[in-house]
Each structure stands twice: as C-alpha cells, then as structure tokens.
Protein backbone atom coordinates (compact mmCIF):
# COMPACT_ATOMS: atom_id res chain seq x y z
CA UNK A 1 111.41 -42.96 -201.53
CA UNK A 2 110.81 -42.29 -197.80
CA UNK A 3 111.13 -38.83 -196.36
CA UNK A 4 112.87 -38.58 -192.98
CA UNK A 5 110.77 -36.93 -190.28
CA UNK A 6 113.41 -37.11 -187.52
CA UNK A 7 115.74 -34.39 -188.81
CA UNK A 8 113.36 -31.43 -188.30
CA UNK A 9 112.54 -32.71 -184.81
CA UNK A 10 116.24 -33.03 -183.99
CA UNK A 11 116.90 -29.49 -185.24
CA UNK A 12 113.97 -28.16 -183.26
CA UNK A 13 115.12 -29.92 -180.10
CA UNK A 14 118.63 -28.54 -180.58
CA UNK A 15 117.27 -25.00 -180.99
CA UNK A 16 115.12 -25.36 -177.86
CA UNK A 17 118.10 -26.69 -175.90
CA UNK A 18 120.24 -23.74 -177.03
CA UNK A 19 117.54 -21.30 -176.04
CA UNK A 20 117.24 -22.89 -172.62
CA UNK A 21 121.03 -22.74 -172.17
CA UNK A 22 121.06 -19.06 -173.08
CA UNK A 23 118.26 -18.35 -170.64
CA UNK A 24 120.12 -20.19 -167.88
CA UNK A 25 123.34 -18.29 -168.63
CA UNK A 26 121.44 -15.00 -168.63
CA UNK A 27 119.78 -15.86 -165.31
CA UNK A 28 123.13 -16.79 -163.76
CA UNK A 29 124.70 -13.57 -165.01
CA UNK A 30 121.80 -11.55 -163.62
CA UNK A 31 122.10 -13.18 -160.19
CA UNK A 32 125.87 -12.66 -160.07
CA UNK A 33 125.45 -9.04 -161.15
CA UNK A 34 122.69 -8.52 -158.60
CA UNK A 35 124.97 -9.64 -155.75
CA UNK A 36 128.37 -8.30 -156.78
CA UNK A 37 127.71 -5.06 -158.66
CA UNK A 38 126.32 -3.21 -155.65
CA UNK A 39 127.87 -3.01 -152.19
CA UNK A 40 124.46 -2.11 -150.75
CA UNK A 41 122.83 -5.21 -152.23
CA UNK A 42 125.71 -7.41 -151.13
CA UNK A 43 125.66 -6.08 -147.55
CA UNK A 44 121.87 -6.34 -147.39
CA UNK A 45 121.96 -10.00 -148.39
CA UNK A 46 124.72 -10.75 -145.88
CA UNK A 47 122.70 -8.99 -143.18
CA UNK A 48 119.57 -10.97 -144.00
CA UNK A 49 121.53 -14.22 -143.74
CA UNK A 50 121.60 -13.64 -139.98
CA UNK A 51 117.97 -12.62 -139.50
CA UNK A 52 115.05 -10.76 -141.14
CA UNK A 53 115.21 -6.97 -140.97
CA UNK A 54 113.04 -3.94 -141.49
CA UNK A 55 113.88 -1.19 -143.96
CA UNK A 56 115.01 1.01 -141.07
CA UNK A 57 117.33 -1.72 -139.78
CA UNK A 58 118.79 -2.21 -143.26
CA UNK A 59 119.21 1.56 -143.60
CA UNK A 60 120.99 1.80 -140.22
CA UNK A 61 123.57 -0.78 -141.36
CA UNK A 62 124.24 0.98 -144.69
CA UNK A 63 125.12 4.46 -145.89
CA UNK A 64 122.72 6.27 -148.17
CA UNK A 65 119.24 7.73 -148.37
CA UNK A 66 116.12 5.68 -147.82
CA UNK A 67 115.17 6.00 -151.49
CA UNK A 68 118.61 4.81 -152.64
CA UNK A 69 118.49 1.80 -150.33
CA UNK A 70 114.89 0.98 -151.27
CA UNK A 71 115.93 0.97 -154.94
CA UNK A 72 118.45 -1.79 -154.18
CA UNK A 73 115.96 -3.70 -152.03
CA UNK A 74 113.51 -3.59 -154.93
CA UNK A 75 116.10 -5.16 -157.27
CA UNK A 76 116.73 -7.97 -154.78
CA UNK A 77 112.98 -8.49 -154.49
CA UNK A 78 112.47 -8.59 -158.27
CA UNK A 79 115.31 -11.11 -158.65
CA UNK A 80 113.59 -13.41 -156.15
CA UNK A 81 116.41 -13.25 -153.60
CA UNK A 82 114.37 -11.63 -150.84
CA UNK A 83 110.72 -11.46 -149.83
CA UNK A 84 108.64 -9.31 -147.52
CA UNK A 85 106.77 -10.66 -144.51
CA UNK A 86 104.75 -7.93 -142.80
CA UNK A 87 107.28 -5.13 -142.14
CA UNK A 88 110.43 -7.26 -142.48
CA UNK A 89 112.47 -8.55 -145.39
CA UNK A 90 114.06 -11.97 -145.41
CA UNK A 91 115.91 -14.25 -147.81
CA UNK A 92 113.81 -16.48 -150.03
CA UNK A 93 114.70 -20.15 -150.42
CA UNK A 94 116.61 -19.24 -153.58
CA UNK A 95 118.31 -16.38 -151.73
CA UNK A 96 119.47 -18.74 -148.98
CA UNK A 97 120.87 -21.22 -151.52
CA UNK A 98 122.67 -18.51 -153.48
CA UNK A 99 124.13 -16.79 -150.42
CA UNK A 100 125.28 -20.03 -148.84
CA UNK A 101 127.48 -20.53 -151.91
CA UNK A 102 128.46 -16.91 -152.47
CA UNK A 103 129.21 -15.85 -148.88
CA UNK A 104 132.59 -17.70 -148.71
CA UNK A 105 133.62 -16.05 -151.98
CA UNK A 106 132.64 -12.61 -150.67
CA UNK A 107 134.60 -13.18 -147.46
CA UNK A 108 137.64 -14.38 -149.42
CA UNK A 109 137.55 -11.35 -151.72
CA UNK A 110 137.21 -9.02 -148.73
CA UNK A 111 140.37 -10.47 -147.15
CA UNK A 112 142.44 -10.45 -150.32
CA UNK A 113 141.29 -7.19 -151.91
CA UNK A 114 141.85 -5.04 -148.84
CA UNK A 115 145.58 -5.92 -148.75
CA UNK A 116 146.14 -7.15 -152.30
CA UNK A 117 149.80 -6.07 -152.54
CA UNK A 118 150.66 -7.92 -149.33
CA UNK A 119 148.97 -11.17 -150.29
CA UNK A 120 150.37 -11.02 -153.81
CA UNK A 121 153.90 -10.94 -152.40
CA UNK A 122 153.48 -13.84 -149.93
CA UNK A 123 154.52 -17.46 -150.29
CA UNK A 124 151.30 -19.21 -149.33
CA UNK A 125 152.59 -22.76 -149.81
CA UNK A 126 152.72 -23.15 -146.02
CA UNK A 127 148.93 -23.25 -145.89
CA UNK A 128 147.20 -26.56 -146.72
CA UNK A 129 144.53 -26.42 -149.38
CA UNK A 130 141.61 -27.01 -147.01
CA UNK A 131 142.59 -23.89 -145.06
CA UNK A 132 143.30 -21.83 -148.19
CA UNK A 133 139.69 -22.56 -149.10
CA UNK A 134 138.74 -20.92 -145.80
CA UNK A 135 141.03 -17.87 -146.05
CA UNK A 136 137.91 -15.71 -145.82
CA UNK A 137 137.65 -16.79 -142.16
CA UNK A 138 140.43 -14.30 -141.37
CA UNK A 139 137.82 -11.56 -141.72
CA UNK A 140 138.99 -8.01 -141.12
CA UNK A 141 142.78 -8.05 -140.84
CA UNK A 142 145.51 -5.50 -140.28
CA UNK A 143 149.08 -5.74 -141.57
CA UNK A 144 151.67 -5.02 -138.90
CA UNK A 145 155.00 -3.76 -140.23
CA UNK A 146 157.47 -2.94 -137.41
CA UNK A 147 160.12 -0.25 -137.67
CA UNK A 148 163.81 -1.13 -137.44
CA UNK A 149 163.93 -0.46 -133.69
CA UNK A 150 161.27 -3.12 -133.00
CA UNK A 151 161.99 -5.55 -135.80
CA UNK A 152 162.26 -8.69 -133.63
CA UNK A 153 159.60 -7.78 -131.10
CA UNK A 154 156.05 -9.17 -131.24
CA UNK A 155 153.32 -6.58 -131.89
CA UNK A 156 152.04 -4.80 -128.77
CA UNK A 157 148.55 -6.19 -129.38
CA UNK A 158 149.91 -9.74 -129.05
CA UNK A 159 151.97 -8.91 -125.94
CA UNK A 160 148.88 -7.39 -124.31
CA UNK A 161 146.84 -10.48 -125.16
CA UNK A 162 149.50 -12.82 -123.74
CA UNK A 163 149.17 -11.15 -120.34
CA UNK A 164 145.51 -12.07 -119.98
CA UNK A 165 144.89 -15.13 -122.15
CA UNK A 166 144.33 -18.63 -120.79
CA UNK A 167 145.22 -20.47 -124.01
CA UNK A 168 148.07 -19.98 -126.48
CA UNK A 169 149.21 -21.85 -129.58
CA UNK A 170 152.48 -20.65 -131.13
CA UNK A 171 154.72 -21.66 -134.01
CA UNK A 172 158.08 -20.10 -134.88
CA UNK A 173 160.51 -20.98 -137.66
CA UNK A 174 162.91 -18.17 -136.73
CA UNK A 175 164.45 -17.19 -133.40
CA UNK A 176 162.81 -14.25 -131.66
CA UNK A 177 165.20 -12.93 -128.94
CA UNK A 178 162.40 -11.54 -126.78
CA UNK A 179 160.25 -14.66 -126.97
CA UNK A 180 161.97 -17.03 -124.47
CA UNK A 181 161.01 -14.73 -121.57
CA UNK A 182 157.43 -14.70 -122.87
CA UNK A 183 157.46 -18.51 -123.05
CA UNK A 184 158.72 -18.78 -119.47
CA UNK A 185 156.19 -16.28 -118.13
CA UNK A 186 153.31 -18.21 -119.69
CA UNK A 187 154.68 -21.45 -118.29
CA UNK A 188 155.01 -20.05 -114.77
CA UNK A 189 151.42 -18.80 -114.90
CA UNK A 190 150.36 -22.31 -115.96
CA UNK A 191 148.68 -21.02 -119.09
CA UNK A 192 147.54 -23.76 -121.45
CA UNK A 193 150.46 -23.26 -123.84
CA UNK A 194 151.45 -25.27 -126.90
CA UNK A 195 154.64 -24.28 -128.74
CA UNK A 196 156.03 -25.64 -132.01
CA UNK A 197 159.58 -24.73 -133.04
CA UNK A 198 161.77 -25.84 -135.90
CA UNK A 199 164.72 -27.90 -134.69
CA UNK A 200 167.39 -25.16 -135.02
CA UNK A 201 165.21 -22.71 -133.10
CA UNK A 202 164.45 -25.29 -130.40
CA UNK A 203 168.13 -26.19 -129.98
CA UNK A 204 169.06 -22.55 -129.52
CA UNK A 205 166.32 -22.15 -126.92
CA UNK A 206 167.50 -25.27 -125.09
CA UNK A 207 171.22 -24.40 -125.19
CA UNK A 208 171.22 -20.61 -124.73
CA UNK A 209 168.07 -20.03 -122.68
CA UNK A 210 168.14 -22.97 -120.29
CA UNK A 211 166.15 -21.28 -117.51
CA UNK A 212 163.28 -20.38 -119.84
CA UNK A 213 163.41 -23.80 -121.52
CA UNK A 214 163.26 -25.60 -118.17
CA UNK A 215 160.34 -23.43 -117.02
CA UNK A 216 158.33 -24.73 -119.94
CA UNK A 217 159.43 -28.31 -119.42
CA UNK A 218 158.46 -28.16 -115.74
CA UNK A 219 155.01 -26.71 -116.44
CA UNK A 220 152.15 -29.21 -116.46
CA UNK A 221 150.20 -27.09 -118.94
CA UNK A 222 153.00 -26.26 -121.39
CA UNK A 223 153.95 -28.54 -124.27
CA UNK A 224 156.75 -28.13 -126.79
CA UNK A 225 157.02 -29.74 -130.20
CA UNK A 226 159.76 -29.90 -132.83
CA UNK A 227 158.89 -29.65 -136.50
CA UNK A 228 161.48 -31.05 -138.91
CA UNK A 229 159.44 -30.57 -142.08
CA UNK A 230 161.44 -28.04 -144.12
CA UNK A 231 158.64 -27.78 -146.67
CA UNK A 232 156.46 -25.84 -144.21
CA UNK A 233 157.45 -22.31 -145.18
CA UNK A 234 155.69 -20.38 -142.43
CA UNK A 235 157.37 -17.66 -140.40
CA UNK A 236 155.20 -17.50 -137.32
CA UNK A 237 151.75 -18.25 -135.94
CA UNK A 238 150.23 -17.27 -132.60
CA UNK A 239 146.66 -17.79 -131.44
CA UNK A 240 145.38 -16.55 -128.08
CA UNK A 241 141.88 -16.15 -126.67
CA UNK A 242 141.37 -12.90 -128.57
CA UNK A 243 143.91 -12.56 -131.39
CA UNK A 244 145.41 -14.48 -134.29
CA UNK A 245 148.81 -13.54 -135.74
CA UNK A 246 150.40 -15.13 -138.78
CA UNK A 247 153.56 -14.24 -140.71
CA UNK A 248 154.68 -15.58 -144.08
CA UNK A 249 157.91 -15.54 -146.03
CA UNK A 250 157.67 -13.51 -149.20
CA UNK A 251 157.97 -15.09 -152.64
CA UNK A 252 161.74 -14.51 -152.64
CA UNK A 253 162.07 -16.64 -149.50
CA UNK A 254 162.80 -13.60 -147.30
CA UNK A 255 161.17 -13.03 -143.93
CA UNK A 256 160.39 -9.31 -143.83
CA UNK A 257 158.63 -9.30 -140.42
CA UNK A 258 155.27 -8.19 -141.82
CA UNK A 259 152.52 -9.87 -139.84
CA UNK A 260 148.79 -10.35 -140.26
CA UNK A 261 146.61 -9.69 -137.21
CA UNK A 262 142.94 -10.49 -136.76
CA UNK A 263 140.70 -10.26 -133.70
CA UNK A 264 137.79 -12.20 -135.19
CA UNK A 265 136.66 -15.50 -133.69
CA UNK A 266 136.59 -17.18 -137.10
CA UNK A 267 140.25 -16.19 -137.62
CA UNK A 268 141.22 -17.71 -134.28
CA UNK A 269 139.47 -20.97 -135.19
CA UNK A 270 141.30 -20.92 -138.53
CA UNK A 271 144.59 -20.36 -136.73
CA UNK A 272 143.99 -23.22 -134.30
CA UNK A 273 143.21 -25.55 -137.21
CA UNK A 274 146.48 -24.52 -138.88
CA UNK A 275 148.38 -25.08 -135.63
CA UNK A 276 146.88 -28.55 -135.26
CA UNK A 277 147.89 -29.32 -138.85
CA UNK A 278 151.50 -28.43 -137.94
CA UNK A 279 151.38 -30.30 -134.64
CA UNK A 280 150.47 -33.51 -136.43
CA UNK A 281 153.73 -33.14 -138.36
CA UNK A 282 155.77 -32.47 -135.21
CA UNK A 283 157.42 -34.48 -132.45
CA UNK A 284 156.65 -33.72 -128.81
CA UNK A 285 159.62 -32.80 -126.61
CA UNK A 286 159.80 -35.11 -123.59
C-alpha cells in the first residue's frame, strides 16, 4: 500500500498561504491606521507630497510641540512612508504610492465630513459618476443659506466676482428675478459668458425680459443654451474666475436655496467640467 506524500505538502502550503495573507492584512491595517488615525500624520504626508520639508517647516504647518510632532514623524519613518535626506524629510517610494491612492479619499472625506448634514440631505443624482468621484476637488467649501429677505438673490460673493471676472459659466433650473439684469450687464461688458437654462426659465426670460434677452443675443461673447433633460436635477451652477457656486435640490425634491461656495481652483475646474457635461445635453439658442 502506497502512502501519499502530497497531503502534508498541501497542508503546509495552505498554512503558509494563510500566514502570508494575515501578514498582508496586518500590514494594510497598519498603513491605514498610520495615515488616518492621526491628523498630524495625515497633514504631514499631504505636505510632503508637494515637496520635502524640515522638522521646523512641518512644525510650522501643524499645531503642537516639537516632541509631539517628532513622535508622529518617527511613526511615519518606522512604517516606511517617509525617509530623511540630510535635514529634510520626504516621501519614500512606498509613501508616494500610498498617498497617490489615499489623497483623493482624504479630500473627499474633508468635503463631506465638514458639512455632513447638508450633503446627507441633498439629491446628488444631478452629478455624473465621474465627477462624484472627484467631489474632493471642491476643497474647502462654505454653505450659504440666505434669509427670507434675500431668498432669490445670489450671494454677495458671487455678485462681487461677476463685476470683475472675464469668464462665466452659469446654469439655472429655476427663475431668479434679479438674474436677467446680471446677464445683460455681463453681455454688455462682452464678458465670455455661457448660460444654460431649462426651457421654462428661458421662455420666461425671452418673453418677460426682452431687453436683457436681446442684450445677450447681440453680444458676440455671450452664448445661451436650452436644456430639456428633466432628469438633471440641479438647481444652479455658476463658475467665474475666482468662485464656484452650486445648488442642489434636497431629497424631497424641494429647492431650499442653500448653496455651496468654493474659492479653490480645483473646485472651479470641477464646476467647468460639470457645466460642459450639461452643455453637451443642451441646444444652443440661435
């Protein structure tokens, strides 16, 4: 009778594979914990993505004592995420790979966590998936909630920007009574202005605000578009040279006039990409 010699080897290989898997899981957990369980470590890694820095430069960008910050730097060093070259710290190759993947997640969490109640109440179906993946590009945002006396007026920050900007992209799915005069003023100044309106809003502009409508039509740098896609549940979008504004309906389908404002360049790029997405679904007014 022959004795099998393959079974012990198979069992041993299985045990080794399980041990390797556990080590990999442990290493992954340690790296995730290293990045996310300390704001100082997270901010240090983000800082070093831009350029190497000395301990003093790291300290200046964080709050805390030198010893407290050095303790976090030591953890990053021991985990192989950073290395020291003369008097400066920099990301290792592993650190660069990890942060390239983790940075978008950190940026997304920063946007959503700071105004969690707002985002949780919004209908985000108006945003295509490829831009939802980049929601972290909005960066530091503020939520503008007007009082009843200024409910239909754009935020002052936007009005100020419109007076000095050279480029504007705007979308409205509701009628803003103060906006036609803003449209006409931009057109008369020959600002590079692109405006998308839903058909009912456009028809009201054309029929009730003829002078302002004609000012846009007569401007060589102003272009109007009509969007008939009722599935695009977005309230408003405006992008100028220095601000991005976006407003959503809430999950009950109500427009409550709460608006998101961001002054970051990445947010403006995000807003322009969203505008172009809408423009492709719209018809130019001729």
